[in-house]
Protein backbone atom coordinates (compact mmCIF):
# COMPACT_ATOMS: atom_id res chain seq x y z
CA MET A 1 0.00 0.00 0.00
CA SER A 2 1.26 3.47 -0.88
CA LEU A 3 1.99 6.14 1.71
CA ARG A 4 -1.04 8.12 0.54
CA GLY A 5 -3.28 5.07 0.97
CA ARG A 6 -1.89 4.48 4.44
CA LEU A 7 -2.58 8.08 5.34
CA LEU A 8 -6.20 7.79 4.17
CA CYS A 9 -6.64 4.55 6.12
CA ALA A 10 -5.21 6.25 9.20
CA LEU A 11 -7.65 9.15 8.84
CA GLY A 12 -10.54 6.71 8.41
CA LEU A 13 -9.47 4.81 11.53
CA ILE A 14 -9.22 8.08 13.45
CA ALA A 15 -12.73 9.00 12.33
CA VAL A 16 -14.07 5.65 13.58
CA VAL A 17 -12.25 6.10 16.90
CA LEU A 18 -13.65 9.62 17.28
CA VAL A 19 -17.22 8.45 16.59
CA ALA A 20 -16.89 5.53 19.00
CA SER A 21 -15.32 7.74 21.67
CA GLY A 22 -18.07 10.33 21.26
CA ALA A 23 -20.73 7.66 21.58
CA VAL A 24 -19.12 6.30 24.74
CA VAL A 25 -18.80 9.79 26.25
CA LEU A 26 -22.44 10.62 25.46
CA GLY A 27 -23.58 7.31 26.90
CA LEU A 28 -21.65 7.91 30.11
CA VAL A 29 -22.97 11.45 30.40
CA ARG A 30 -26.59 10.35 29.94
CA THR A 31 -26.19 7.51 32.40
CA SER A 32 -24.70 9.87 34.96
CA LEU A 33 -27.51 12.39 34.52
CA VAL A 34 -30.18 9.70 34.79
CA GLN A 35 -28.53 8.34 37.92
CA GLN A 36 -28.69 11.79 39.47
CA ILE A 37 -32.44 11.92 38.73
CA ASP A 38 -32.84 8.44 40.19
CA ARG A 39 -31.08 9.47 43.39
CA GLN A 40 -33.36 12.48 43.67
CA LEU A 41 -36.38 10.21 43.22
CA ALA A 42 -35.11 7.87 45.89
CA SER A 43 -34.68 10.76 48.32
CA VAL A 44 -38.22 12.08 47.85
CA ALA A 45 -40.16 8.85 47.17
CA PRO A 46 -43.38 9.05 49.33
CA VAL A 47 -42.75 5.85 51.21
CA THR A 48 -41.30 5.04 54.61
CA ALA A 49 -40.95 1.99 56.88
CA ASN A 50 -43.53 1.80 59.67
CA ASP A 51 -42.81 0.34 63.14
CA GLY A 52 -40.00 -1.83 61.73
CA THR A 53 -42.52 -4.26 60.16
CA GLY A 54 -41.29 -3.67 56.67
CA GLN A 55 -44.74 -2.45 55.55
CA LEU A 56 -44.84 0.65 53.30
CA THR A 57 -47.15 3.58 53.92
CA PRO A 58 -47.57 6.68 51.73
CA LEU A 59 -45.56 9.58 53.03
CA VAL A 60 -48.12 11.93 51.56
CA PRO A 61 -51.63 10.48 52.12
CA PRO A 62 -54.09 10.62 49.26
CA PRO A 63 -56.17 13.79 49.31
CA ALA A 64 -59.89 13.72 50.06
CA SER A 65 -60.69 15.31 46.73
CA ALA A 66 -59.18 15.12 43.27
CA SER A 67 -58.05 18.69 43.34
CA ALA A 68 -54.29 19.14 43.62
CA PRO A 69 -52.60 21.84 45.63
CA GLU A 70 -51.58 24.87 43.65
CA VAL A 71 -48.43 25.59 45.63
CA SER A 72 -45.66 23.06 46.27
CA PRO A 73 -42.29 23.35 47.98
CA PHE A 74 -40.91 21.12 45.23
CA THR A 75 -40.49 23.11 42.06
CA GLU A 76 -40.14 20.09 39.71
CA LEU A 77 -41.53 17.10 41.62
CA PHE A 78 -44.69 15.42 40.34
CA ILE A 79 -46.62 13.15 42.77
CA GLY A 80 -49.75 11.27 41.98
CA VAL A 81 -51.82 8.53 43.63
CA TYR A 82 -53.73 5.79 41.84
CA SER A 83 -57.07 4.89 43.35
CA ALA A 84 -58.37 1.36 43.47
CA SER A 85 -60.33 2.13 40.28
CA GLY A 86 -57.11 3.11 38.42
CA ASP A 87 -57.63 6.85 38.28
CA LEU A 88 -54.52 8.99 38.83
CA GLN A 89 -55.08 11.82 41.26
CA VAL A 90 -52.38 14.54 41.27
CA VAL A 91 -51.09 15.19 44.74
CA LEU A 92 -48.19 17.49 43.78
CA ARG A 93 -47.53 19.21 40.50
CA PRO A 94 -44.48 21.32 39.58
CA SER A 95 -45.03 24.97 40.36
CA GLY A 96 -46.66 26.93 37.58
CA GLY A 97 -48.78 24.02 36.46
CA GLU A 98 -47.42 24.03 32.91
CA VAL A 99 -45.93 20.55 33.13
CA PRO A 100 -48.41 17.95 31.84
CA SER A 101 -49.36 14.88 33.79
CA VAL A 102 -47.34 11.68 33.58
CA ASN A 103 -48.86 9.06 31.32
CA VAL A 104 -48.42 5.79 33.22
CA ASP A 105 -51.27 3.30 33.34
CA ALA A 106 -52.28 1.72 36.62
CA ALA A 107 -51.26 -1.77 35.53
CA GLN A 108 -47.67 -0.65 34.91
CA ALA A 109 -47.52 1.35 38.14
CA ARG A 110 -48.92 -1.50 40.25
CA ALA A 111 -46.47 -3.99 38.78
CA THR A 112 -43.68 -2.73 41.02
CA GLU A 113 -42.69 -4.62 44.11
CA PRO A 114 -44.01 -3.20 47.39
CA THR A 115 -40.60 -3.18 48.98
CA HIS A 116 -38.63 -1.72 46.09
CA THR A 117 -38.98 1.21 43.75
CA GLU A 118 -37.20 0.86 40.37
CA PRO A 119 -37.32 4.11 38.35
CA PHE A 120 -38.39 3.88 34.73
CA ASP A 121 -38.92 6.23 31.80
CA ALA A 122 -42.32 7.62 30.88
CA ARG A 123 -43.87 10.30 28.69
CA SER A 124 -46.47 12.93 29.43
CA ALA A 125 -50.06 12.48 28.39
CA ASP A 126 -49.58 14.67 25.32
CA GLY A 127 -46.19 13.10 24.49
CA THR A 128 -44.31 16.38 24.65
CA ALA A 129 -42.29 15.78 27.83
CA GLY A 130 -40.26 12.97 29.34
CA PHE A 131 -40.21 11.87 32.97
CA ARG A 132 -38.24 9.60 35.19
CA VAL A 133 -40.81 7.77 37.34
CA ALA A 134 -40.81 5.69 40.50
CA SER A 135 -43.93 4.00 41.95
CA VAL A 136 -44.73 2.08 45.13
CA ARG A 137 -47.80 0.30 46.53
CA SER A 138 -49.07 0.60 50.06
CA PRO A 139 -50.50 -2.38 51.98
CA GLY A 140 -53.95 -1.02 51.37
CA GLY A 141 -53.45 -1.28 47.62
CA THR A 142 -52.93 2.40 46.90
CA THR A 143 -50.11 3.10 44.43
CA SER A 144 -48.10 6.29 44.71
CA LEU A 145 -46.32 7.74 41.67
CA VAL A 146 -43.31 10.06 41.94
CA ALA A 147 -41.80 11.65 38.78
CA LEU A 148 -39.18 14.19 37.84
CA PRO A 149 -39.11 15.81 34.40
CA MET A 150 -36.19 14.99 32.08
CA ALA A 151 -36.19 18.41 30.45
CA ARG A 152 -32.99 19.54 32.15
CA VAL A 153 -31.34 16.18 31.53
CA GLU A 154 -32.27 16.32 27.87
CA ALA A 155 -31.06 19.92 27.60
CA THR A 156 -27.77 19.09 29.27
CA TYR A 157 -27.43 16.00 27.10
CA ARG A 158 -28.05 18.02 23.94
CA ARG A 159 -25.44 20.58 24.96
CA VAL A 160 -22.90 17.88 25.74
CA ARG A 161 -23.72 16.11 22.48
CA LEU A 162 -23.30 19.32 20.56
CA GLY A 163 -19.97 19.94 22.30
CA VAL A 164 -18.76 16.39 21.64
CA VAL A 165 -19.74 16.64 17.98
CA ALA A 166 -18.11 20.06 17.63
CA VAL A 167 -14.90 18.90 19.31
CA GLY A 168 -14.87 15.72 17.24
CA VAL A 169 -15.41 17.60 13.98
CA ALA A 170 -12.77 20.18 14.90
CA LEU A 171 -10.31 17.47 15.91
CA PHE A 172 -10.92 15.48 12.75
CA ALA A 173 -10.63 18.63 10.64
CA ALA A 174 -7.32 19.46 12.33
CA LEU A 175 -6.06 15.92 11.76
CA ALA A 176 -7.26 16.01 8.15
CA LEU A 177 -5.49 19.34 7.66
CA ALA A 178 -2.34 17.91 9.23
CA GLY A 179 -2.64 14.87 6.97
CA TRP A 180 -3.06 17.09 3.94
CA TRP A 181 -0.03 19.10 5.04
CA VAL A 182 2.02 15.94 5.53
CA GLU A 183 0.86 14.61 2.17
CA ARG A 184 1.68 17.90 0.46
CA LEU A 185 5.06 18.49 2.07
CA GLY A 186 6.09 14.91 2.78
CA ILE A 187 4.40 12.18 0.79
CA ARG A 188 3.91 14.09 -2.45
CA PRO A 189 7.57 15.19 -2.69
CA ILE A 190 8.71 11.67 -1.87
CA LYS A 191 6.43 10.37 -4.63
CA ARG A 192 7.90 12.91 -7.05
CA VAL A 193 11.43 11.89 -6.07
CA THR A 194 10.65 8.17 -6.50
CA ASP A 195 9.04 8.88 -9.87
CA ALA A 196 12.07 10.91 -10.93
CA ALA A 197 14.43 8.15 -9.75
CA ALA A 198 12.43 5.58 -11.71
CA ALA A 199 12.49 7.80 -14.79
CA ILE A 200 16.26 8.27 -14.54
CA ALA A 201 16.74 4.53 -14.05
CA SER A 202 14.68 3.88 -17.19
CA GLY A 203 16.99 6.08 -19.26
CA GLU A 204 15.58 9.61 -18.92
CA LEU A 205 18.83 11.06 -17.63
CA ASP A 206 17.61 14.65 -17.97
CA HIS A 207 14.54 14.09 -15.75
CA ARG A 208 14.54 16.21 -12.58
CA VAL A 209 12.20 16.92 -9.67
CA GLU A 210 10.24 20.12 -10.10
CA ALA A 211 10.89 22.99 -7.74
CA GLN A 212 9.09 22.93 -4.36
CA PRO A 213 8.07 25.80 -2.03
CA GLN A 214 11.17 27.52 -0.73
CA GLY A 215 12.13 27.06 2.91
CA THR A 216 10.50 23.62 3.22
CA GLU A 217 11.98 20.17 3.65
CA ALA A 218 10.40 19.23 0.32
CA ALA A 219 12.43 21.95 -1.42
CA GLN A 220 15.59 20.71 0.28
CA LEU A 221 14.82 17.11 -0.74
CA ALA A 222 14.13 18.12 -4.35
CA ALA A 223 17.25 20.27 -4.52
CA ALA A 224 19.42 17.53 -3.00
CA PHE A 225 18.02 14.94 -5.42
CA ASN A 226 18.55 17.22 -8.42
CA VAL A 227 22.12 17.95 -7.31
CA MET A 228 22.74 14.21 -6.92
CA ALA A 229 21.25 13.51 -10.35
CA ASP A 230 23.30 16.31 -11.93
CA ARG A 231 26.49 15.01 -10.36
CA ARG A 232 25.66 11.47 -11.40
CA GLN A 233 25.04 12.56 -14.97
CA ALA A 234 28.21 14.68 -14.92
CA ALA A 235 30.17 11.70 -13.59
CA GLU A 236 28.76 9.46 -16.32
CA ASN A 237 29.53 12.06 -18.97
CA LYS A 238 33.01 12.44 -17.55
CA LEU A 239 33.48 8.67 -17.54
CA ARG A 240 32.33 8.43 -21.16
CA GLN A 241 34.67 11.26 -22.12
CA PHE A 242 37.46 9.61 -20.15
CA VAL A 243 36.95 6.31 -21.95
CA ALA A 244 36.77 8.09 -25.30
CA ASP A 245 39.95 10.06 -24.58
CA ALA A 246 41.79 7.01 -23.31
CA SER A 247 40.72 5.07 -26.37
CA HIS A 248 41.83 7.94 -28.57
CA GLU A 249 45.22 8.12 -26.87
CA LEU A 250 45.78 4.37 -27.04
CA ARG A 251 44.58 3.99 -30.61
CA THR A 252 47.53 5.77 -32.23
CA PRO A 253 50.37 3.84 -30.54
CA LEU A 254 48.50 0.57 -31.01
CA SER A 255 47.91 1.35 -34.68
CA THR A 256 51.59 2.20 -35.13
CA VAL A 257 52.81 -0.99 -33.47
CA ALA A 258 50.21 -3.10 -35.29
CA GLY A 259 51.17 -1.49 -38.63
CA VAL A 260 54.88 -2.18 -38.11
CA LEU A 261 54.15 -5.82 -37.25
CA GLU A 262 51.91 -6.27 -40.29
CA LEU A 263 54.53 -4.77 -42.60
CA TYR A 264 57.19 -6.98 -41.11
CA GLN A 265 55.06 -10.11 -41.38
CA SER A 266 54.14 -9.34 -44.97
CA GLY A 267 57.80 -8.96 -45.89
CA ALA A 268 57.51 -5.29 -46.76
CA LEU A 269 60.20 -4.44 -44.22
CA GLU A 270 63.60 -5.84 -44.90
CA ALA A 271 66.78 -5.49 -42.93
CA GLY A 272 68.11 -2.03 -43.34
CA PRO A 273 67.36 1.59 -42.49
CA GLY A 274 63.63 1.19 -43.16
CA LEU A 275 63.27 -1.66 -40.68
CA ASP A 276 65.37 0.15 -38.10
CA ASP A 277 63.25 3.29 -38.39
CA ALA A 278 60.00 1.29 -38.14
CA LEU A 279 61.22 -0.54 -35.06
CA ARG A 280 62.31 2.76 -33.52
CA ARG A 281 58.84 4.26 -34.08
CA ALA A 282 57.19 1.13 -32.66
CA SER A 283 59.44 1.32 -29.60
CA GLN A 284 58.61 4.99 -29.07
CA GLU A 285 54.88 4.35 -29.31
CA THR A 286 55.19 1.36 -26.99
CA LYS A 287 56.94 3.49 -24.37
CA ARG A 288 54.37 6.21 -24.83
CA MET A 289 51.55 3.71 -24.38
CA SER A 290 53.28 2.30 -21.31
CA ARG A 291 53.53 5.79 -19.79
CA LEU A 292 49.86 6.39 -20.52
CA VAL A 293 48.83 3.15 -18.85
CA SER A 294 51.02 3.95 -15.85
CA ASP A 295 49.43 7.39 -15.56
CA LEU A 296 45.95 5.89 -15.73
CA LEU A 297 46.83 3.37 -13.04
CA LEU A 298 48.21 6.16 -10.84
CA LEU A 299 45.02 8.20 -11.23
CA ALA A 300 42.91 5.15 -10.39
CA TYR A 301 45.13 4.54 -7.35
CA LEU A 302 44.67 8.12 -6.16
CA ASP A 303 40.92 8.11 -6.89
CA GLN A 304 40.50 5.11 -4.61
CA GLY A 305 41.97 7.12 -1.74
CA ARG A 306 44.73 4.65 -1.03
CA PRO A 307 47.26 5.90 1.52
CA LEU A 308 50.53 7.37 0.36
CA GLU A 309 53.85 7.21 2.14
CA GLU A 310 54.33 9.70 4.94
CA GLN A 311 57.89 10.83 5.52
CA PRO A 312 59.67 14.15 5.78
CA VAL A 313 60.47 15.53 2.34
CA ASP A 314 62.80 18.46 1.69
CA LEU A 315 60.82 20.33 -0.97
CA THR A 316 63.75 22.64 -1.62
CA ALA A 317 65.99 19.71 -2.51
CA VAL A 318 63.32 18.19 -4.74
CA VAL A 319 62.89 21.43 -6.69
CA ALA A 320 66.65 21.98 -6.95
CA ASP A 321 67.16 18.48 -8.35
CA ALA A 322 64.33 18.98 -10.88
CA ALA A 323 65.82 22.31 -11.98
CA PHE A 324 69.22 20.66 -12.47
CA ASP A 325 67.71 17.82 -14.51
CA THR A 326 65.86 20.32 -16.73
CA SER A 327 69.05 22.31 -17.34
CA LEU A 328 70.71 19.11 -18.55
CA SER A 329 67.85 18.09 -20.84
CA ASP A 330 67.27 21.64 -22.13
CA PRO A 331 70.57 23.48 -21.75
CA GLY A 332 69.41 26.55 -23.66
CA ARG A 333 66.53 27.20 -21.28
CA GLU A 334 66.86 29.98 -18.71
CA ILE A 335 65.83 28.67 -15.29
CA THR A 336 65.86 30.86 -12.19
CA THR A 337 65.31 29.61 -8.65
CA ASP A 338 64.45 31.25 -5.36
CA LEU A 339 64.32 28.46 -2.78
CA ALA A 340 63.68 28.72 0.95
CA ALA A 341 66.23 27.06 3.22
CA ASP A 342 63.74 25.17 5.41
CA ALA A 343 60.86 23.73 3.39
CA ILE A 344 60.17 20.35 4.98
CA VAL A 345 56.81 18.75 4.31
CA VAL A 346 55.42 15.32 5.17
CA GLY A 347 54.38 13.16 2.25
CA ASP A 348 55.35 10.72 -0.47
CA GLU A 349 58.71 11.89 -1.83
CA HIS A 350 58.38 10.03 -5.13
CA ARG A 351 54.93 11.51 -5.82
CA LEU A 352 56.05 15.03 -4.88
CA GLN A 353 59.00 14.65 -7.26
CA GLN A 354 56.45 13.72 -9.92
CA VAL A 355 54.45 16.90 -9.13
CA VAL A 356 57.52 19.12 -9.60
CA SER A 357 58.71 17.34 -12.74
CA ASN A 358 55.24 17.45 -14.33
CA LEU A 359 54.89 21.19 -13.70
CA ILE A 360 58.33 21.91 -15.14
CA ALA A 361 57.72 19.58 -18.10
CA ASN A 362 54.43 21.37 -18.78
CA ALA A 363 56.22 24.73 -18.80
CA VAL A 364 58.93 23.39 -21.14
CA ALA A 365 56.45 21.76 -23.52
CA HIS A 366 54.13 24.76 -23.91
CA THR A 367 56.62 27.64 -24.12
CA PRO A 368 59.15 28.56 -26.78
CA PRO A 369 62.81 27.63 -26.14
CA ASP A 370 63.75 31.18 -25.25
CA ALA A 371 61.05 31.53 -22.56
CA ALA A 372 62.40 31.67 -19.03
CA ILE A 373 61.11 29.44 -16.21
CA SER A 374 61.15 30.52 -12.57
CA LEU A 375 60.99 28.19 -9.57
CA THR A 376 60.15 29.61 -6.15
CA VAL A 377 59.75 27.85 -2.79
CA ILE A 378 58.30 29.75 0.19
CA ALA A 379 58.10 28.24 3.68
CA SER A 380 55.83 29.30 6.55
CA ASP A 381 54.95 27.77 9.88
CA ASP A 382 52.07 25.70 8.50
CA PHE A 383 52.54 25.57 4.72
CA CYS A 384 55.11 25.39 2.00
CA VAL A 385 54.41 27.06 -1.34
CA LEU A 386 55.92 26.14 -4.70
CA GLU A 387 55.49 28.46 -7.68
CA VAL A 388 56.42 27.48 -11.23
CA GLY A 389 56.20 30.42 -13.64
CA ASP A 390 57.04 30.89 -17.30
CA ASP A 391 57.18 33.66 -19.88
CA GLY A 392 55.20 31.70 -22.45
CA PRO A 393 52.07 32.63 -24.41
CA GLY A 394 49.74 32.03 -21.46
CA MET A 395 46.18 30.75 -21.59
CA THR A 396 42.67 32.10 -21.85
CA ALA A 397 40.30 31.96 -18.89
CA ASP A 398 38.38 29.07 -20.49
CA GLN A 399 41.56 27.09 -21.05
CA ALA A 400 42.72 27.74 -17.50
CA SER A 401 39.39 26.48 -16.10
CA HIS A 402 39.97 23.07 -17.75
CA ILE A 403 43.73 22.82 -17.47
CA PHE A 404 43.55 20.21 -14.67
CA ASP A 405 40.96 18.04 -16.44
CA ARG A 406 42.09 14.65 -17.63
CA PHE A 407 43.12 14.37 -21.27
CA TYR A 408 42.68 18.12 -21.72
CA ARG A 409 45.06 19.94 -24.04
CA CYS A 410 44.85 23.56 -25.02
CA ASP A 411 45.38 22.85 -28.72
CA ASP A 412 42.10 22.07 -30.47
CA GLY A 413 43.62 19.61 -32.89
CA ARG A 414 44.86 17.34 -30.10
CA SER A 415 48.31 17.40 -31.62
CA ARG A 416 50.96 15.49 -29.74
CA SER A 417 53.77 17.71 -30.92
CA GLN A 418 53.13 20.01 -27.96
CA GLY A 419 53.18 17.44 -25.20
CA GLY A 420 51.90 14.11 -23.93
CA SER A 421 48.50 12.64 -23.27
CA GLY A 422 47.01 15.51 -21.25
CA LEU A 423 47.24 13.68 -17.92
CA GLY A 424 50.25 15.44 -16.39
CA LEU A 425 48.45 18.32 -14.68
CA SER A 426 45.51 16.15 -13.60
CA ILE A 427 48.04 13.85 -11.92
CA VAL A 428 49.53 16.91 -10.20
CA ALA A 429 46.11 17.93 -8.86
CA SER A 430 45.29 14.39 -7.67
CA ILE A 431 48.63 13.93 -5.89
CA LEU A 432 48.34 17.27 -4.13
CA GLU A 433 44.77 16.53 -3.09
CA ALA A 434 45.95 13.24 -1.59
CA HIS A 435 48.52 15.24 0.42
CA GLY A 436 45.90 17.69 1.69
CA GLY A 437 47.17 20.45 -0.56
CA GLY A 438 46.10 22.09 -3.81
CA VAL A 439 47.20 23.76 -7.01
CA SER A 440 46.00 26.84 -8.88
CA VAL A 441 47.08 28.80 -11.93
CA GLU A 442 47.34 32.51 -12.74
CA THR A 443 47.53 33.24 -16.44
CA ALA A 444 46.42 35.49 -19.26
CA PRO A 445 47.08 35.49 -23.00
CA GLY A 446 50.54 36.89 -23.67
CA GLU A 447 51.44 37.08 -19.96
CA GLY A 448 52.71 33.57 -19.32
CA ALA A 449 51.45 31.26 -16.58
CA ARG A 450 52.23 30.77 -12.91
CA PHE A 451 51.24 27.53 -11.15
CA ARG A 452 50.99 27.82 -7.38
CA VAL A 453 51.23 24.68 -5.22
CA VAL A 454 50.32 24.79 -1.52
CA LEU A 455 51.34 21.88 0.72
CA PRO A 456 50.74 21.58 4.49
CA ARG A 457 53.85 20.86 6.48
CA ARG A 458 52.02 18.06 8.33
CA PRO A 459 48.93 16.14 7.19
CA PRO A 460 45.97 16.10 9.63
CA ASP A 461 46.58 12.47 10.70
CA PHE A 462 50.32 12.85 11.09
CA GLU A 463 51.50 11.90 14.57
CA GLU A 464 55.25 11.53 14.54
CA ILE A 465 57.71 10.90 11.76
CA SER A 466 61.45 11.08 12.13
CA ARG A 467 64.19 10.89 9.59
CA LYS A 468 67.79 10.87 10.61
CA SER A 469 70.27 11.93 8.03
CA GLU A 470 72.83 14.67 7.66
CA GLY A 471 71.66 17.45 9.88
CA SER A 472 69.44 15.00 11.81
CA VAL A 473 66.10 16.49 10.76
CA GLU A 474 63.20 15.58 13.04
CA ILE A 475 59.54 16.53 12.74
CA HIS A 476 56.96 16.07 15.49
CA SER A 477 53.26 16.72 15.60
CA PRO A 478 52.06 19.68 17.68
CA GLY A 479 51.52 18.98 21.36
């Protein structure tokens, strides 16, 4: 059963409970009121014990004539006496005389036991009024009748019934309103979310939950679901693009290697310069494909959040070594350094070396040979900052916003003459994220580019790491 159906069943059950409770309350009220009348009848019944014999004698003797007194000390009490012939003679009538006589035949009145009076209900002669009646017979055969009108009881009962009905209706209306509110702000949004989830699962990836009233939990649920769906779709799109880019990058080296092997097998390549050149190209593409696969494995490793090594790393030494290696591989390149003396961070030394080498390689690959490269290391109490700048052509704002995306290259033709597979900077960002740091870029067309790396000196979960070498460097966690 759906949540809406359960809510309707609950409201129906509440309605039944309210009706039953009202009926019970009204029944108890009427019983209580009738019992009060009965107690009043018992206190004024015109009978009394005589001489301890158990015989009953009228408290008010029958009058000599049929005329009833006009004035009575009892404002509501009605007393009558049945003669032996069955005629009812009024002994006492409620003051004012407007109340009609009680309509009780002699046979019914005389049926009561002499020693016990059991009140019963009766109507007036004209049927317009109700009475609560008690009767008793004397030893001489005379039956006395005592009655109290039920007008006040009926009026009180009607008022209580009206109050019970009003309270019940108001309570049910409040519960119905609360149910409608819950259905509108709770069940209906949940139904929309489930419908949207089912639609997305069936292939409608663009389906979203419509906007809900602001400031409500329904709006928060819809917004959270839409954000989740957007991120899921973005992740799927990114995965598809990643697979397409990886396939594109692997297709060329595989085609080259496969082409060389086919030519060799067909006999088109004979020993000599042509075979040597083909084998050289196949070897280059094989190495390139191997580097690509290694980069992909590294990114997968970092995406899984696997722990890296934690040891003190001298960032200054790492940058100095990378600058020296670059000067050997590109001797015509101007490289300037400004390195802090104490730039010790905790992390994976091999991965941090990869960060520095990738940033420098990116600067070398995307700038002309005469462009200068600057390397700066700044150390503070909590962080170490590495800046790699160049005097190259720079990038546009759109290019800079995607520079750390995987397989992204600034050249539209995806030419490989200007660099590798487009994974170098994404690896830099992933490694730094794993170390609790980050990387950003400042650039503009014609103004070069400056990559800024920020690394914490100690990761949040670092307790105590020591490394003893020349200078006996030791690092301890605070406290």
